[in-house]
PDB file of N, CA and C in Angstrom:
ATOM      1  N   MET A   1     -12.617  -8.513   1.740  1.00  0.00           N
ATOM      2  CA  MET A   1     -12.018  -8.486  -0.422  1.00  0.00           C
ATOM      3  C   MET A   1     -11.169  -7.288  -0.126  1.00  0.00           C
ATOM      4  N   SER A   2      -9.904  -7.627  -1.304  1.00  0.00           N
ATOM      5  CA  SER A   2      -9.544  -6.383  -0.797  1.00  0.00           C
ATOM      6  C   SER A   2      -9.333  -5.610  -1.980  1.00  0.00           C
ATOM      7  N   THR A   3      -8.850  -4.276  -2.286  1.00  0.00           N
ATOM      8  CA  THR A   3      -8.710  -3.832  -3.348  1.00  0.00           C
ATOM      9  C   THR A   3      -7.627  -3.901  -3.796  1.00  0.00           C
ATOM     10  N   THR A   4      -7.126  -3.989  -4.878  1.00  0.00           N
ATOM     11  CA  THR A   4      -5.594  -3.471  -5.784  1.00  0.00           C
ATOM     12  C   THR A   4      -5.433  -2.697  -6.371  1.00  0.00           C
ATOM     13  N   VAL A   5      -4.609  -1.908  -6.005  1.00  0.00           N
ATOM     14  CA  VAL A   5      -3.883  -0.556  -6.887  1.00  0.00           C
ATOM     15  C   VAL A   5      -2.686  -1.131  -7.751  1.00  0.00           C
ATOM     16  N   LYS A   6      -2.992   0.529  -8.271  1.00  0.00           N
ATOM     17  CA  LYS A   6      -1.485   0.269  -9.446  1.00  0.00           C
ATOM     18  C   LYS A   6      -0.836   1.678  -8.653  1.00  0.00           C
ATOM     19  N   ASP A   7       0.402   1.053  -9.185  1.00  0.00           N
ATOM     20  CA  ASP A   7       1.518   1.950  -8.824  1.00  0.00           C
ATOM     21  C   ASP A   7       0.846   3.206  -8.996  1.00  0.00           C
ATOM     22  N   GLY A   8       0.889   4.833  -8.814  1.00  0.00           N
ATOM     23  CA  GLY A   8       1.015   5.661  -9.399  1.00  0.00           C
ATOM     24  C   GLY A   8       0.216   6.615  -9.014  1.00  0.00           C
ATOM     25  N   SER A   9      -1.065   5.441  -8.735  1.00  0.00           N
ATOM     26  CA  SER A   9      -2.623   5.677  -8.597  1.00  0.00           C
ATOM     27  C   SER A   9      -3.305   6.832  -7.686  1.00  0.00           C
ATOM     28  N   THR A  10      -4.028   7.187  -7.983  1.00  0.00           N
ATOM     29  CA  THR A  10      -4.550   7.834  -6.676  1.00  0.00           C
ATOM     30  C   THR A  10      -5.981   7.228  -6.553  1.00  0.00           C
ATOM     31  N   ILE A  11      -6.415   6.896  -4.999  1.00  0.00           N
ATOM     32  CA  ILE A  11      -7.575   6.312  -4.457  1.00  0.00           C
ATOM     33  C   ILE A  11      -8.845   6.943  -3.496  1.00  0.00           C
ATOM     34  N   THR A  12      -9.773   6.917  -3.194  1.00  0.00           N
ATOM     35  CA  THR A  12     -10.341   7.512  -2.489  1.00  0.00           C
ATOM     36  C   THR A  12     -10.837   7.076  -1.349  1.00  0.00           C
ATOM     37  N   LYS A  13     -10.862   6.830  -0.022  1.00  0.00           N
ATOM     38  CA  LYS A  13     -11.175   6.690   1.180  1.00  0.00           C
ATOM     39  C   LYS A  13     -11.909   7.364   1.869  1.00  0.00           C
ATOM     40  N   ASP A  14     -13.110   6.773   2.512  1.00  0.00           N
ATOM     41  CA  ASP A  14     -13.905   7.225   2.812  1.00  0.00           C
ATOM     42  C   ASP A  14     -13.224   7.444   4.600  1.00  0.00           C
ATOM     43  N   PRO A  15     -13.169   8.479   5.858  1.00  0.00           N
ATOM     44  CA  PRO A  15     -13.048   8.392   6.681  1.00  0.00           C
ATOM     45  C   PRO A  15     -13.460   6.671   7.795  1.00  0.00           C
ATOM     46  N   SER A  16     -14.199   6.644   7.739  1.00  0.00           N
ATOM     47  CA  SER A  16     -14.448   5.822   8.403  1.00  0.00           C
ATOM     48  C   SER A  16     -14.857   4.093   8.191  1.00  0.00           C
ATOM     49  N   ASP A  17     -13.703   3.959   7.237  1.00  0.00           N
ATOM     50  CA  ASP A  17     -13.826   2.533   5.925  1.00  0.00           C
ATOM     51  C   ASP A  17     -12.355   2.070   6.731  1.00  0.00           C
ATOM     52  N   ILE A  18     -12.311   1.046   6.852  1.00  0.00           N
ATOM     53  CA  ILE A  18     -11.344   0.141   7.130  1.00  0.00           C
ATOM     54  C   ILE A  18     -11.049  -1.098   6.158  1.00  0.00           C
ATOM     55  N   SER A  19     -10.313  -0.610   5.442  1.00  0.00           N
ATOM     56  CA  SER A  19     -10.380  -1.765   4.091  1.00  0.00           C
ATOM     57  C   SER A  19      -8.774  -2.079   3.502  1.00  0.00           C
ATOM     58  N   VAL A  20      -8.571  -3.196   3.064  1.00  0.00           N
ATOM     59  CA  VAL A  20      -7.472  -3.711   3.066  1.00  0.00           C
ATOM     60  C   VAL A  20      -7.009  -3.278   1.372  1.00  0.00           C
ATOM     61  N   TYR A  21      -5.594  -3.165   1.312  1.00  0.00           N
ATOM     62  CA  TYR A  21      -5.145  -2.974   0.095  1.00  0.00           C
ATOM     63  C   TYR A  21      -4.167  -3.334  -0.657  1.00  0.00           C
ATOM     64  N   THR A  22      -4.376  -3.900  -2.051  1.00  0.00           N
ATOM     65  CA  THR A  22      -3.280  -4.542  -2.707  1.00  0.00           C
ATOM     66  C   THR A  22      -2.655  -4.389  -3.123  1.00  0.00           C
ATOM     67  N   PHE A  23      -1.157  -3.975  -3.360  1.00  0.00           N
ATOM     68  CA  PHE A  23      -0.039  -4.282  -4.336  1.00  0.00           C
ATOM     69  C   PHE A  23      -0.055  -5.691  -5.190  1.00  0.00           C
ATOM     70  N   ASP A  24      -0.280  -5.543  -6.474  1.00  0.00           N
ATOM     71  CA  ASP A  24       0.079  -6.778  -7.730  1.00  0.00           C
ATOM     72  C   ASP A  24       1.415  -7.035  -7.687  1.00  0.00           C
ATOM     73  N   TRP A  25       2.640  -7.242  -7.295  1.00  0.00           N
ATOM     74  CA  TRP A  25       3.862  -7.378  -8.012  1.00  0.00           C
ATOM     75  C   TRP A  25       3.426  -8.301  -8.885  1.00  0.00           C
ATOM     76  N   ASP A  26       3.196  -9.896  -9.409  1.00  0.00           N
ATOM     77  CA  ASP A  26       2.937 -10.757 -10.013  1.00  0.00           C
ATOM     78  C   ASP A  26       2.520  -9.815 -11.321  1.00  0.00           C
ATOM     79  N   ALA A  27       1.772  -9.235 -10.900  1.00  0.00           N
ATOM     80  CA  ALA A  27       0.818  -8.292 -12.574  1.00  0.00           C
ATOM     81  C   ALA A  27       2.228  -7.440 -13.721  1.00  0.00           C
ATOM     82  N   GLU A  28       2.938  -6.995 -12.727  1.00  0.00           N
ATOM     83  CA  GLU A  28       3.764  -6.246 -13.666  1.00  0.00           C
ATOM     84  C   GLU A  28       4.820  -5.891 -13.158  1.00  0.00           C
ATOM     85  N   HIS A  29       5.609  -6.303 -11.957  1.00  0.00           N
ATOM     86  CA  HIS A  29       6.925  -6.443 -11.700  1.00  0.00           C
ATOM     87  C   HIS A  29       7.705  -7.544 -11.353  1.00  0.00           C
ATOM     88  N   LEU A  30       7.046  -8.721 -11.093  1.00  0.00           N
ATOM     89  CA  LEU A  30       8.432  -9.691 -11.337  1.00  0.00           C
ATOM     90  C   LEU A  30       8.666 -10.628 -11.990  1.00  0.00           C
ATOM     91  N   ALA A  31       9.596 -11.509 -12.782  1.00  0.00           N
ATOM     92  CA  ALA A  31       9.954 -12.118 -13.411  1.00  0.00           C
ATOM     93  C   ALA A  31       9.895 -13.528 -13.114  1.00  0.00           C
ATOM     94  N   THR A  32       9.527 -14.691 -13.830  1.00  0.00           N
ATOM     95  CA  THR A  32       8.890 -15.721 -13.008  1.00  0.00           C
ATOM     96  C   THR A  32       9.575 -16.929 -12.284  1.00  0.00           C
ATOM     97  N   GLY A  33       9.090 -16.855 -11.398  1.00  0.00           N
ATOM     98  CA  GLY A  33       9.718 -17.695 -10.502  1.00  0.00           C
ATOM     99  C   GLY A  33       9.749 -16.766  -9.278  1.00  0.00           C
ATOM    100  N   VAL A  34       9.873 -15.893  -9.391  1.00  0.00           N
ATOM    101  CA  VAL A  34      10.933 -14.610  -8.221  1.00  0.00           C
ATOM    102  C   VAL A  34       9.456 -14.307  -7.382  1.00  0.00           C
ATOM    103  N   SER A  35       9.948 -14.644  -5.607  1.00  0.00           N
ATOM    104  CA  SER A  35       8.799 -14.327  -4.142  1.00  0.00           C
ATOM    105  C   SER A  35       9.887 -13.097  -3.639  1.00  0.00           C
ATOM    106  N   ILE A  36       8.609 -12.445  -3.173  1.00  0.00           N
ATOM    107  CA  ILE A  36       9.044 -11.229  -2.511  1.00  0.00           C
ATOM    108  C   ILE A  36       9.091 -12.031  -1.284  1.00  0.00           C
ATOM    109  N   SER A  37      10.362 -11.452  -0.731  1.00  0.00           N
ATOM    110  CA  SER A  37      11.583 -12.374   0.653  1.00  0.00           C
ATOM    111  C   SER A  37      10.879 -11.708   1.777  1.00  0.00           C
ATOM    112  N   THR A  38      10.716  -9.624   1.372  1.00  0.00           N
ATOM    113  CA  THR A  38      10.029  -9.091   2.691  1.00  0.00           C
ATOM    114  C   THR A  38       9.705  -7.759   1.835  1.00  0.00           C
ATOM    115  N   SER A  39       8.754  -7.294   2.849  1.00  0.00           N
ATOM    116  CA  SER A  39       7.757  -6.430   2.490  1.00  0.00           C
ATOM    117  C   SER A  39       8.154  -5.307   3.769  1.00  0.00           C
ATOM    118  N   THR A  40       7.869  -4.057   3.126  1.00  0.00           N
ATOM    119  CA  THR A  40       8.141  -2.516   4.195  1.00  0.00           C
ATOM    120  C   THR A  40       6.897  -1.553   3.280  1.00  0.00           C
ATOM    121  N   TRP A  41       6.281  -1.113   4.908  1.00  0.00           N
ATOM    122  CA  TRP A  41       5.515  -0.198   4.355  1.00  0.00           C
ATOM    123  C   TRP A  41       5.881   0.914   5.286  1.00  0.00           C
ATOM    124  N   THR A  42       5.189   2.146   4.575  1.00  0.00           N
ATOM    125  CA  THR A  42       5.485   3.809   4.912  1.00  0.00           C
ATOM    126  C   THR A  42       4.059   4.506   4.554  1.00  0.00           C
ATOM    127  N   LEU A  43       3.288   4.886   5.282  1.00  0.00           N
ATOM    128  CA  LEU A  43       2.058   5.661   5.347  1.00  0.00           C
ATOM    129  C   LEU A  43       2.801   7.237   5.709  1.00  0.00           C
ATOM    130  N   THR A  44       2.829   8.003   4.933  1.00  0.00           N
ATOM    131  CA  THR A  44       3.177   9.756   5.444  1.00  0.00           C
ATOM    132  C   THR A  44       1.505  10.515   5.018  1.00  0.00           C
ATOM    133  N   GLY A  45       1.643  11.695   6.112  1.00  0.00           N
ATOM    134  CA  GLY A  45       0.666  12.714   5.979  1.00  0.00           C
ATOM    135  C   GLY A  45       1.083  13.902   4.355  1.00  0.00           C
ATOM    136  N   VAL A  46       0.550  14.115   4.095  1.00  0.00           N
ATOM    137  CA  VAL A  46       1.211  14.475   2.286  1.00  0.00           C
ATOM    138  C   VAL A  46       0.431  16.422   2.468  1.00  0.00           C
ATOM    139  N   SER A  47      -0.784  16.510   2.690  1.00  0.00           N
ATOM    140  CA  SER A  47      -1.551  17.319   2.747  1.00  0.00           C
ATOM    141  C   SER A  47      -3.159  17.583   3.986  1.00  0.00           C
ATOM    142  N   GLY A  48      -3.407  18.888   3.516  1.00  0.00           N
ATOM    143  CA  GLY A  48      -4.864  18.754   5.156  1.00  0.00           C
ATOM    144  C   GLY A  48      -4.516  18.179   6.369  1.00  0.00           C
ATOM    145  N   ASP A  49      -5.035  17.675   7.574  1.00  0.00           N
ATOM    146  CA  ASP A  49      -5.150  17.359   8.726  1.00  0.00           C
ATOM    147  C   ASP A  49      -5.197  15.725   8.565  1.00  0.00           C
ATOM    148  N   VAL A  50      -3.558  16.042   9.261  1.00  0.00           N
ATOM    149  CA  VAL A  50      -2.907  14.926   9.230  1.00  0.00           C
ATOM    150  C   VAL A  50      -2.287  14.360  10.654  1.00  0.00           C
ATOM    151  N   THR A  51      -3.050  15.072  11.257  1.00  0.00           N
ATOM    152  CA  THR A  51      -2.770  14.956  12.918  1.00  0.00           C
ATOM    153  C   THR A  51      -3.664  14.719  13.875  1.00  0.00           C
ATOM    154  N   THR A  52      -4.748  15.165  13.422  1.00  0.00           N
ATOM    155  CA  THR A  52      -6.350  14.772  14.939  1.00  0.00           C
ATOM    156  C   THR A  52      -6.468  13.880  14.461  1.00  0.00           C
ATOM    157  N   THR A  53      -6.517  13.379  12.717  1.00  0.00           N
ATOM    158  CA  THR A  53      -7.240  11.941  13.137  1.00  0.00           C
ATOM    159  C   THR A  53      -6.493  11.528  11.954  1.00  0.00           C
ATOM    160  N   PRO A  54      -5.190  10.844  12.356  1.00  0.00           N
ATOM    161  CA  PRO A  54      -4.214  10.181  11.520  1.00  0.00           C
ATOM    162  C   PRO A  54      -4.683   8.822  10.906  1.00  0.00           C
ATOM    163  N   MET A  55      -4.428   9.112   9.254  1.00  0.00           N
ATOM    164  CA  MET A  55      -4.357   7.659   9.119  1.00  0.00           C
ATOM    165  C   MET A  55      -3.721   6.489   9.733  1.00  0.00           C
ATOM    166  N   THR A  56      -4.364   5.153   9.674  1.00  0.00           N
ATOM    167  CA  THR A  56      -3.406   4.423  10.393  1.00  0.00           C
ATOM    168  C   THR A  56      -3.034   2.762   9.456  1.00  0.00           C
ATOM    169  N   LYS A  57      -2.159   2.415   9.919  1.00  0.00           N
ATOM    170  CA  LYS A  57      -1.794   1.023   8.834  1.00  0.00           C
ATOM    171  C   LYS A  57      -1.482  -0.131   9.792  1.00  0.00           C
ATOM    172  N   ASP A  58      -2.498  -1.603   9.573  1.00  0.00           N
ATOM    173  CA  ASP A  58      -1.971  -2.615  10.010  1.00  0.00           C
ATOM    174  C   ASP A  58      -1.901  -3.688   9.555  1.00  0.00           C
ATOM    175  N   GLN A  59      -1.833  -5.254  10.329  1.00  0.00           N
ATOM    176  CA  GLN A  59      -2.247  -6.415   8.907  1.00  0.00           C
ATOM    177  C   GLN A  59      -1.270  -6.870   8.137  1.00  0.00           C
ATOM    178  N   PRO A  60      -0.094  -6.396   8.291  1.00  0.00           N
ATOM    179  CA  PRO A  60       1.118  -6.252   6.357  1.00  0.00           C
ATOM    180  C   PRO A  60       0.996  -7.894   6.065  1.00  0.00           C
ATOM    181  N   SER A  61       0.763  -7.951   4.976  1.00  0.00           N
ATOM    182  CA  SER A  61       1.510  -9.295   4.680  1.00  0.00           C
ATOM    183  C   SER A  61       1.648  -9.318   3.261  1.00  0.00           C
ATOM    184  N   ILE A  62       2.379 -10.742   3.470  1.00  0.00           N
ATOM    185  CA  ILE A  62       2.604 -10.995   1.696  1.00  0.00           C
ATOM    186  C   ILE A  62       1.370 -11.866   1.479  1.00  0.00           C
ATOM    187  N   VAL A  63       1.309 -12.212   0.193  1.00  0.00           N
ATOM    188  CA  VAL A  63      -0.016 -13.319  -0.194  1.00  0.00           C
ATOM    189  C   VAL A  63       0.628 -13.449  -1.511  1.00  0.00           C
ATOM    190  N   THR A  64      -0.448 -14.684  -2.221  1.00  0.00           N
ATOM    191  CA  THR A  64      -0.430 -15.231  -3.572  1.00  0.00           C
ATOM    192  C   THR A  64       0.278 -15.814  -3.752  1.00  0.00           C
ATOM    193  N   GLY A  65       0.883 -16.754  -3.136  1.00  0.00           N
ATOM    194  CA  GLY A  65       2.932 -17.131  -3.793  1.00  0.00           C
ATOM    195  C   GLY A  65       3.829 -15.984  -3.064  1.00  0.00           C
ATOM    196  N   ASN A  66       4.057 -15.293  -2.284  1.00  0.00           N
ATOM    197  CA  ASN A  66       4.856 -14.025  -1.922  1.00  0.00           C
ATOM    198  C   ASN A  66       5.011 -13.697  -3.258  1.00  0.00           C
ATOM    199  N   ARG A  67       3.922 -12.941  -4.400  1.00  0.00           N
ATOM    200  CA  ARG A  67       4.021 -12.231  -5.197  1.00  0.00           C
ATOM    201  C   ARG A  67       2.763 -11.340  -4.932  1.00  0.00           C
ATOM    202  N   LYS A  68       2.427 -10.872  -3.921  1.00  0.00           N
ATOM    203  CA  LYS A  68       2.234  -9.271  -3.791  1.00  0.00           C
ATOM    204  C   LYS A  68       2.174  -9.700  -2.423  1.00  0.00           C
ATOM    205  N   THR A  69       1.192  -8.360  -2.431  1.00  0.00           N
ATOM    206  CA  THR A  69       1.526  -7.537  -1.228  1.00  0.00           C
ATOM    207  C   THR A  69      -0.018  -6.806   0.315  1.00  0.00           C
ATOM    208  N   GLN A  70      -0.521  -6.581   1.016  1.00  0.00           N
ATOM    209  CA  GLN A  70      -1.402  -5.977   1.069  1.00  0.00           C
ATOM    210  C   GLN A  70      -1.163  -5.415   2.743  1.00  0.00           C
ATOM    211  N   ILE A  71      -2.199  -4.456   3.094  1.00  0.00           N
ATOM    212  CA  ILE A  71      -1.825  -3.534   3.931  1.00  0.00           C
ATOM    213  C   ILE A  71      -3.427  -3.189   4.046  1.00  0.00           C
ATOM    214  N   ARG A  72      -3.521  -2.860   5.571  1.00  0.00           N
ATOM    215  CA  ARG A  72      -4.918  -2.539   5.874  1.00  0.00           C
ATOM    216  C   ARG A  72      -4.930  -1.041   6.429  1.00  0.00           C
ATOM    217  N   LEU A  73      -6.105  -0.356   5.762  1.00  0.00           N
ATOM    218  CA  LEU A  73      -6.528   1.908   5.936  1.00  0.00           C
ATOM    219  C   LEU A  73      -7.570   1.533   6.758  1.00  0.00           C
ATOM    220  N   SER A  74      -7.017   2.631   7.601  1.00  0.00           N
ATOM    221  CA  SER A  74      -8.429   2.815   8.314  1.00  0.00           C
ATOM    222  C   SER A  74      -8.072   4.521   9.308  1.00  0.00           C
ATOM    223  N   ALA A  75      -9.088   4.932   9.134  1.00  0.00           N
ATOM    224  CA  ALA A  75      -8.973   6.338   9.906  1.00  0.00           C
ATOM    225  C   ALA A  75      -8.849   7.472   8.477  1.00  0.00           C
ATOM    226  N   GLY A  76      -7.696   8.304   9.440  1.00  0.00           N
ATOM    227  CA  GLY A  76      -7.839   9.844   8.757  1.00  0.00           C
ATOM    228  C   GLY A  76      -8.789  10.634   8.169  1.00  0.00           C
ATOM    229  N   ALA A  77      -8.416  11.774   8.740  1.00  0.00           N
ATOM    230  CA  ALA A  77      -9.627  13.068   8.371  1.00  0.00           C
ATOM    231  C   ALA A  77      -9.768  13.173   7.256  1.00  0.00           C
ATOM    232  N   ALA A  78     -10.931  13.643   7.111  1.00  0.00           N
ATOM    233  CA  ALA A  78     -12.078  14.193   5.766  1.00  0.00           C
ATOM    234  C   ALA A  78     -10.827  15.441   5.306  1.00  0.00           C
ATOM    235  N   GLY A  79     -10.830  15.158   3.587  1.00  0.00           N
ATOM    236  CA  GLY A  79      -9.959  16.222   3.596  1.00  0.00           C
ATOM    237  C   GLY A  79      -7.970  15.970   3.094  1.00  0.00           C
ATOM    238  N   SER A  80      -7.861  15.210   4.479  1.00  0.00           N
ATOM    239  CA  SER A  80      -6.367  14.990   3.812  1.00  0.00           C
ATOM    240  C   SER A  80      -5.896  14.104   2.601  1.00  0.00           C
ATOM    241  N   VAL A  81      -4.737  13.982   2.262  1.00  0.00           N
ATOM    242  CA  VAL A  81      -4.142  13.477   1.615  1.00  0.00           C
ATOM    243  C   VAL A  81      -3.026  12.545   2.337  1.00  0.00           C
ATOM    244  N   TRP A  82      -2.825  11.496   1.814  1.00  0.00           N
ATOM    245  CA  TRP A  82      -1.728  10.630   2.359  1.00  0.00           C
ATOM    246  C   TRP A  82      -1.069   9.942   1.124  1.00  0.00           C
ATOM    247  N   LYS A  83       0.739   9.363   1.175  1.00  0.00           N
ATOM    248  CA  LYS A  83       1.680   8.758   0.217  1.00  0.00           C
ATOM    249  C   LYS A  83       1.837   7.528   1.286  1.00  0.00           C
ATOM    250  N   LEU A  84       0.889   6.087   0.475  1.00  0.00           N
ATOM    251  CA  LEU A  84       1.829   4.984   0.350  1.00  0.00           C
ATOM    252  C   LEU A  84       2.824   4.396  -0.099  1.00  0.00           C
ATOM    253  N   ASP A  85       3.472   3.729   0.432  1.00  0.00           N
ATOM    254  CA  ASP A  85       4.774   3.359  -0.226  1.00  0.00           C
ATOM    255  C   ASP A  85       5.376   1.206   0.300  1.00  0.00           C
ATOM    256  N   ASN A  86       5.086   0.754  -0.609  1.00  0.00           N
ATOM    257  CA  ASN A  86       5.669  -0.670  -0.873  1.00  0.00           C
ATOM    258  C   ASN A  86       6.996  -0.845  -1.163  1.00  0.00           C
ATOM    259  N   ALA A  87       7.989  -1.292  -0.122  1.00  0.00           N
ATOM    260  CA  ALA A  87       9.608  -1.445  -0.888  1.00  0.00           C
ATOM    261  C   ALA A  87       9.829  -2.984  -0.278  1.00  0.00           C
ATOM    262  N   ILE A  88       9.921  -3.864  -1.591  1.00  0.00           N
ATOM    263  CA  ILE A  88       9.724  -5.540  -1.674  1.00  0.00           C
ATOM    264  C   ILE A  88      11.394  -5.707  -1.886  1.00  0.00           C
ATOM    265  N   VAL A  89      12.134  -6.767  -1.066  1.00  0.00           N
ATOM    266  CA  VAL A  89      13.302  -7.623  -1.683  1.00  0.00           C
ATOM    267  C   VAL A  89      13.021  -8.614  -2.235  1.00  0.00           C
ATOM    268  N   THR A  90      13.415  -8.766  -3.202  1.00  0.00           N
ATOM    269  CA  THR A  90      13.001  -9.985  -3.967  1.00  0.00           C
ATOM    270  C   THR A  90      14.097 -11.235  -3.580  1.00  0.00           C
ATOM    271  N   ASP A  91      13.912 -12.915  -3.786  1.00  0.00           N
ATOM    272  CA  ASP A  91      14.520 -13.670  -3.536  1.00  0.00           C
ATOM    273  C   ASP A  91      15.782 -14.103  -4.350  1.00  0.00           C
ATOM    274  N   GLU A  92      15.748 -13.284  -5.488  1.00  0.00           N
ATOM    275  CA  GLU A  92      16.917 -13.838  -6.025  1.00  0.00           C
ATOM    276  C   GLU A  92      18.080 -13.487  -5.976  1.00  0.00           C
ATOM    277  N   SER A  93      18.859 -13.814  -6.771  1.00  0.00           N
ATOM    278  CA  SER A  93      20.229 -13.791  -6.282  1.00  0.00           C
ATOM    279  C   SER A  93      21.115 -13.532  -7.490  1.00  0.00           C
ATOM    280  N   PRO A  94      21.682 -12.163  -7.640  1.00  0.00           N
ATOM    281  CA  PRO A  94      21.336 -10.911  -6.457  1.00  0.00           C
ATOM    282  C   PRO A  94      19.765 -10.798  -5.986  1.00  0.00           C
ATOM    283  N   SER A  95      19.574 -10.064  -5.052  1.00  0.00           N
ATOM    284  CA  SER A  95      18.879 -10.149  -4.666  1.00  0.00           C
ATOM    285  C   SER A  95      17.931  -8.197  -5.377  1.00  0.00           C
ATOM    286  N   GLN A  96      16.964  -8.021  -5.963  1.00  0.00           N
ATOM    287  CA  GLN A  96      15.974  -6.901  -6.277  1.00  0.00           C
ATOM    288  C   GLN A  96      15.835  -5.863  -5.211  1.00  0.00           C
ATOM    289  N   GLN A  97      15.756  -4.832  -4.736  1.00  0.00           N
ATOM    290  CA  GLN A  97      14.219  -3.914  -4.175  1.00  0.00           C
ATOM    291  C   GLN A  97      14.088  -3.218  -5.179  1.00  0.00           C
ATOM    292  N   LYS A  98      12.724  -3.342  -4.957  1.00  0.00           N
ATOM    293  CA  LYS A  98      11.728  -3.025  -5.568  1.00  0.00           C
ATOM    294  C   LYS A  98      11.007  -1.481  -5.160  1.00  0.00           C
ATOM    295  N   GLU A  99      10.136  -0.600  -4.945  1.00  0.00           N
ATOM    296  CA  GLU A  99       9.410   0.531  -4.313  1.00  0.00           C
ATOM    297  C   GLU A  99       8.286   0.997  -5.229  1.00  0.00           C
ATOM    298  N   ARG A 100       7.208   0.571  -4.729  1.00  0.00           N
ATOM    299  CA  ARG A 100       6.231   1.246  -5.757  1.00  0.00           C
ATOM    300  C   ARG A 100       4.899   2.386  -4.486  1.00  0.00           C
ATOM    301  N   SER A 101       3.963   3.190  -5.257  1.00  0.00           N
ATOM    302  CA  SER A 101       3.545   3.896  -4.004  1.00  0.00           C
ATOM    303  C   SER A 101       2.312   4.560  -4.314  1.00  0.00           C
ATOM    304  N   ILE A 102       0.874   4.941  -3.497  1.00  0.00           N
ATOM    305  CA  ILE A 102       0.262   5.630  -4.098  1.00  0.00           C
ATOM    306  C   ILE A 102      -0.339   6.500  -3.204  1.00  0.00           C
ATOM    307  N   ARG A 103      -1.284   7.329  -3.724  1.00  0.00           N
ATOM    308  CA  ARG A 103      -1.811   8.183  -3.023  1.00  0.00           C
ATOM    309  C   ARG A 103      -3.446   8.043  -2.018  1.00  0.00           C
ATOM    310  N   ILE A 104      -3.590   8.912  -0.590  1.00  0.00           N
ATOM    311  CA  ILE A 104      -5.101   7.954  -0.542  1.00  0.00           C
ATOM    312  C   ILE A 104      -5.487   9.439  -0.395  1.00  0.00           C
ATOM    313  N   ARG A 105      -6.697   9.877  -0.790  1.00  0.00           N
ATOM    314  CA  ARG A 105      -7.446  11.105  -0.219  1.00  0.00           C
ATOM    315  C   ARG A 105      -8.520  10.425   0.813  1.00  0.00           C
ATOM    316  N   VAL A 106      -8.437  11.027   1.609  1.00  0.00           N
ATOM    317  CA  VAL A 106      -9.870  11.028   2.239  1.00  0.00           C
ATOM    318  C   VAL A 106     -11.006  11.728   1.975  1.00  0.00           C
ATOM    319  N   GLU A 107     -12.042  11.255   1.254  1.00  0.00           N
ATOM    320  CA  GLU A 107     -13.078  12.317   1.364  1.00  0.00           C
ATOM    321  C   GLU A 107     -14.326  11.875   2.163  1.00  0.00           C
ATOM    322  N   GLN A 108     -14.880  12.201   2.809  1.00  0.00           N
ATOM    323  CA  GLN A 108     -16.258  11.768   3.638  1.00  0.00           C
ATOM    324  C   GLN A 108     -17.499  11.462   2.232  1.00  0.00           C
ATOM    325  N   ARG A 109     -18.070  10.776   2.058  1.00  0.00           N
ATOM    326  CA  ARG A 109     -18.920   9.738   1.731  1.00  0.00           C
ATOM    327  C   ARG A 109     -20.703  10.071   1.803  1.00  0.00           C
TER     328      ARG A 109
END
């Protein structure tokens, strides 16, 4: 099961969690009948120890009728903060490019 995240939010993740996060472009950002053609993810260390145990991303996908995107995150040192960006391109003519982001605070639970 994935966690749906909202643009601009900050979420908390345990260093040992391996979790899937979903951006719901359908609910907030896409017109009826528009699909996502491509999705690109960028994960950037913002503060804390981002080098000893870096957070990693994998399994990127476009889901739910090509209107949601998801990514799996793992690791990250306790006390670190990360920024996760998701950029998409739509299948409209002309196509649009949109980008949204969240912050992830890694805390030992």
